[in-house]
N, C-alpha and C. Protein backbone atom coordinates (compact mmCIF):
# COMPACT_ATOMS: atom_id res chain seq x y z
N MET A 1 0.85 -1.18 0.00
CA MET A 1 0.00 0.00 0.00
C MET A 1 0.89 1.24 0.00
N HIS A 2 0.36 2.30 -0.55
CA HIS A 2 1.09 3.56 -0.64
C HIS A 2 0.87 4.39 0.62
N PHE A 3 1.94 5.01 1.09
CA PHE A 3 1.86 5.95 2.20
C PHE A 3 2.40 7.26 1.69
N TYR A 4 1.89 8.35 2.25
CA TYR A 4 2.28 9.66 1.75
C TYR A 4 2.56 10.58 2.93
N GLU A 5 3.75 11.13 2.97
CA GLU A 5 4.12 12.08 4.01
C GLU A 5 3.67 13.47 3.58
N TYR A 6 2.99 14.17 4.48
CA TYR A 6 2.50 15.50 4.16
C TYR A 6 2.42 16.34 5.42
N ARG A 7 3.19 17.41 5.46
CA ARG A 7 3.18 18.38 6.55
C ARG A 7 3.34 17.74 7.94
N GLY A 8 4.20 16.75 8.04
CA GLY A 8 4.47 16.09 9.32
C GLY A 8 3.53 14.96 9.66
N PHE A 9 2.61 14.65 8.77
CA PHE A 9 1.65 13.55 8.96
C PHE A 9 1.93 12.47 7.93
N THR A 10 1.43 11.27 8.19
CA THR A 10 1.47 10.18 7.22
C THR A 10 0.05 9.81 6.86
N ILE A 11 -0.28 9.90 5.59
CA ILE A 11 -1.60 9.51 5.10
C ILE A 11 -1.52 8.06 4.66
N CYS A 12 -2.41 7.23 5.20
CA CYS A 12 -2.40 5.79 4.91
C CYS A 12 -3.74 5.40 4.28
N PRO A 13 -3.82 5.34 2.96
CA PRO A 13 -5.07 4.93 2.32
C PRO A 13 -5.37 3.46 2.60
N ALA A 14 -6.65 3.17 2.83
CA ALA A 14 -7.05 1.78 3.08
C ALA A 14 -8.41 1.52 2.43
N PRO A 15 -8.51 1.71 1.11
CA PRO A 15 -9.80 1.48 0.45
C PRO A 15 -10.23 0.03 0.63
N ALA A 16 -11.54 -0.16 0.68
CA ALA A 16 -12.08 -1.50 0.87
C ALA A 16 -13.03 -1.85 -0.27
N LEU A 17 -12.94 -3.07 -0.73
CA LEU A 17 -13.83 -3.53 -1.80
C LEU A 17 -15.14 -3.99 -1.20
N SER A 18 -16.23 -3.40 -1.65
CA SER A 18 -17.56 -3.83 -1.24
C SER A 18 -17.98 -4.95 -2.19
N LEU A 19 -18.03 -6.15 -1.69
CA LEU A 19 -18.37 -7.28 -2.55
C LEU A 19 -19.82 -7.23 -3.01
N ALA A 20 -20.68 -6.67 -2.19
CA ALA A 20 -22.09 -6.58 -2.55
C ALA A 20 -22.30 -5.66 -3.75
N ASP A 21 -21.54 -4.55 -3.80
CA ASP A 21 -21.72 -3.57 -4.87
C ASP A 21 -20.59 -3.56 -5.88
N ASN A 22 -19.51 -4.30 -5.61
CA ASN A 22 -18.33 -4.37 -6.47
C ASN A 22 -17.73 -2.98 -6.73
N VAL A 23 -17.63 -2.19 -5.67
CA VAL A 23 -17.00 -0.86 -5.74
C VAL A 23 -16.02 -0.72 -4.58
N TRP A 24 -15.10 0.22 -4.73
CA TRP A 24 -14.11 0.49 -3.70
C TRP A 24 -14.56 1.67 -2.86
N THR A 25 -14.63 1.48 -1.55
CA THR A 25 -15.02 2.55 -0.64
C THR A 25 -13.78 3.29 -0.15
N VAL A 26 -13.99 4.52 0.32
CA VAL A 26 -12.89 5.37 0.75
C VAL A 26 -12.71 5.27 2.26
N LYS A 27 -11.57 4.73 2.66
CA LYS A 27 -11.18 4.65 4.06
C LYS A 27 -9.70 5.02 4.13
N LEU A 28 -9.33 5.79 5.14
CA LEU A 28 -7.94 6.16 5.30
C LEU A 28 -7.66 6.47 6.74
N SER A 29 -6.39 6.46 7.10
CA SER A 29 -5.98 6.91 8.42
C SER A 29 -4.87 7.93 8.24
N ILE A 30 -4.81 8.82 9.21
CA ILE A 30 -3.76 9.83 9.22
C ILE A 30 -3.02 9.66 10.53
N ARG A 31 -1.69 9.59 10.43
CA ARG A 31 -0.84 9.34 11.60
C ARG A 31 0.09 10.51 11.84
N ARG A 32 0.35 10.73 13.09
CA ARG A 32 1.41 11.67 13.49
C ARG A 32 2.06 11.05 14.70
N GLY A 33 3.29 10.58 14.53
CA GLY A 33 3.96 9.85 15.60
C GLY A 33 3.19 8.58 15.89
N ALA A 34 2.88 8.35 17.16
CA ALA A 34 2.15 7.14 17.55
C ALA A 34 0.64 7.33 17.51
N GLN A 35 0.18 8.53 17.22
CA GLN A 35 -1.26 8.80 17.21
C GLN A 35 -1.84 8.58 15.81
N VAL A 36 -3.00 7.94 15.77
CA VAL A 36 -3.65 7.60 14.51
C VAL A 36 -5.13 7.98 14.59
N LYS A 37 -5.63 8.52 13.50
CA LYS A 37 -7.06 8.81 13.40
C LYS A 37 -7.57 8.28 12.07
N SER A 38 -8.71 7.57 12.11
CA SER A 38 -9.28 6.97 10.90
C SER A 38 -10.44 7.81 10.37
N PHE A 39 -10.61 7.74 9.06
CA PHE A 39 -11.68 8.48 8.39
C PHE A 39 -12.33 7.56 7.36
N GLU A 40 -13.62 7.77 7.14
CA GLU A 40 -14.38 6.99 6.17
C GLU A 40 -15.40 7.91 5.53
N THR A 41 -15.63 7.73 4.23
CA THR A 41 -16.61 8.56 3.53
C THR A 41 -17.60 7.68 2.78
N ALA A 42 -18.61 8.32 2.23
CA ALA A 42 -19.61 7.60 1.43
C ALA A 42 -19.23 7.55 -0.05
N TYR A 43 -18.07 8.10 -0.41
CA TYR A 43 -17.62 8.05 -1.80
C TYR A 43 -17.21 6.64 -2.18
N PHE A 44 -17.38 6.30 -3.45
CA PHE A 44 -16.94 4.99 -3.93
C PHE A 44 -16.42 5.12 -5.35
N PHE A 45 -15.56 4.16 -5.74
CA PHE A 45 -14.91 4.19 -7.04
C PHE A 45 -14.90 2.80 -7.65
N SER A 46 -14.77 2.75 -8.96
CA SER A 46 -14.80 1.45 -9.64
C SER A 46 -13.47 0.72 -9.60
N THR A 47 -12.36 1.46 -9.32
CA THR A 47 -11.06 0.80 -9.24
C THR A 47 -10.37 1.15 -7.92
N LYS A 48 -9.50 0.27 -7.50
CA LYS A 48 -8.73 0.51 -6.28
C LYS A 48 -7.80 1.71 -6.47
N GLY A 49 -7.20 1.85 -7.64
CA GLY A 49 -6.30 2.97 -7.90
C GLY A 49 -6.99 4.31 -7.75
N GLU A 50 -8.20 4.42 -8.27
CA GLU A 50 -8.97 5.66 -8.12
C GLU A 50 -9.25 5.95 -6.65
N ALA A 51 -9.60 4.92 -5.91
CA ALA A 51 -9.90 5.09 -4.48
C ALA A 51 -8.66 5.51 -3.71
N VAL A 52 -7.51 4.92 -4.01
CA VAL A 52 -6.26 5.30 -3.34
C VAL A 52 -5.92 6.75 -3.64
N PHE A 53 -6.02 7.15 -4.91
CA PHE A 53 -5.74 8.53 -5.29
C PHE A 53 -6.65 9.50 -4.52
N PHE A 54 -7.93 9.16 -4.43
CA PHE A 54 -8.87 10.02 -3.71
C PHE A 54 -8.54 10.07 -2.23
N CYS A 55 -8.16 8.93 -1.64
CA CYS A 55 -7.76 8.89 -0.22
C CYS A 55 -6.61 9.85 0.05
N LEU A 56 -5.61 9.84 -0.82
CA LEU A 56 -4.45 10.71 -0.64
C LEU A 56 -4.85 12.18 -0.78
N SER A 57 -5.66 12.47 -1.76
CA SER A 57 -6.12 13.85 -1.96
C SER A 57 -6.97 14.32 -0.78
N LEU A 58 -7.88 13.47 -0.33
CA LEU A 58 -8.73 13.81 0.81
C LEU A 58 -7.90 13.98 2.08
N GLY A 59 -6.92 13.11 2.27
CA GLY A 59 -6.06 13.21 3.45
C GLY A 59 -5.35 14.54 3.51
N LYS A 60 -4.83 15.01 2.39
CA LYS A 60 -4.16 16.31 2.34
C LYS A 60 -5.14 17.42 2.70
N LYS A 61 -6.35 17.35 2.18
CA LYS A 61 -7.36 18.37 2.47
C LYS A 61 -7.76 18.35 3.94
N ILE A 62 -7.85 17.17 4.53
CA ILE A 62 -8.17 17.06 5.97
C ILE A 62 -7.07 17.72 6.78
N ILE A 63 -5.83 17.42 6.47
CA ILE A 63 -4.70 18.00 7.19
C ILE A 63 -4.69 19.52 7.06
N ASP A 64 -5.04 20.01 5.89
CA ASP A 64 -5.08 21.46 5.65
C ASP A 64 -6.30 22.13 6.29
N GLY A 65 -7.23 21.32 6.82
CA GLY A 65 -8.43 21.88 7.46
C GLY A 65 -9.50 22.29 6.48
N ASP A 66 -9.50 21.70 5.29
CA ASP A 66 -10.43 22.09 4.24
C ASP A 66 -11.64 21.17 4.08
N VAL A 67 -11.87 20.24 5.03
CA VAL A 67 -12.99 19.31 4.91
C VAL A 67 -13.85 19.44 6.17
N ASP A 68 -15.07 19.93 5.99
CA ASP A 68 -15.98 20.08 7.12
C ASP A 68 -16.25 18.74 7.79
N GLY A 69 -16.17 18.72 9.10
CA GLY A 69 -16.46 17.52 9.87
C GLY A 69 -15.29 16.58 10.08
N PHE A 70 -14.18 16.81 9.39
CA PHE A 70 -12.99 15.99 9.56
C PHE A 70 -11.83 16.88 10.02
N THR A 71 -11.13 16.47 11.08
CA THR A 71 -10.02 17.26 11.58
C THR A 71 -8.93 16.35 12.14
N VAL A 72 -7.73 16.86 12.15
CA VAL A 72 -6.61 16.18 12.80
C VAL A 72 -6.10 17.00 13.99
N ASP A 73 -6.87 18.01 14.39
CA ASP A 73 -6.46 18.87 15.50
C ASP A 73 -6.20 18.08 16.78
N ASP A 74 -6.90 16.98 16.96
CA ASP A 74 -6.75 16.21 18.20
C ASP A 74 -5.54 15.27 18.18
N ILE A 75 -4.80 15.21 17.07
CA ILE A 75 -3.57 14.39 17.07
C ILE A 75 -2.34 15.24 16.78
N LEU A 76 -2.45 16.54 16.99
CA LEU A 76 -1.30 17.43 16.77
C LEU A 76 -0.25 17.23 17.81
């Protein structure tokens, strides 16, 4: 799996295949040191690659504070 370092955090995409719908769901965790926070959305993609790319993009936006309802302030 791909990991991405961004502004002192590590974004860890973990898309999951929904066997019922045959789509990839968006799940990721963001780490800073030993602290980890997980995130999940209702977005889905037809390929794992698309889901991983979206996870990385979303993770960067979460770290930047650009996603309502998602924050990493508690793991600073």
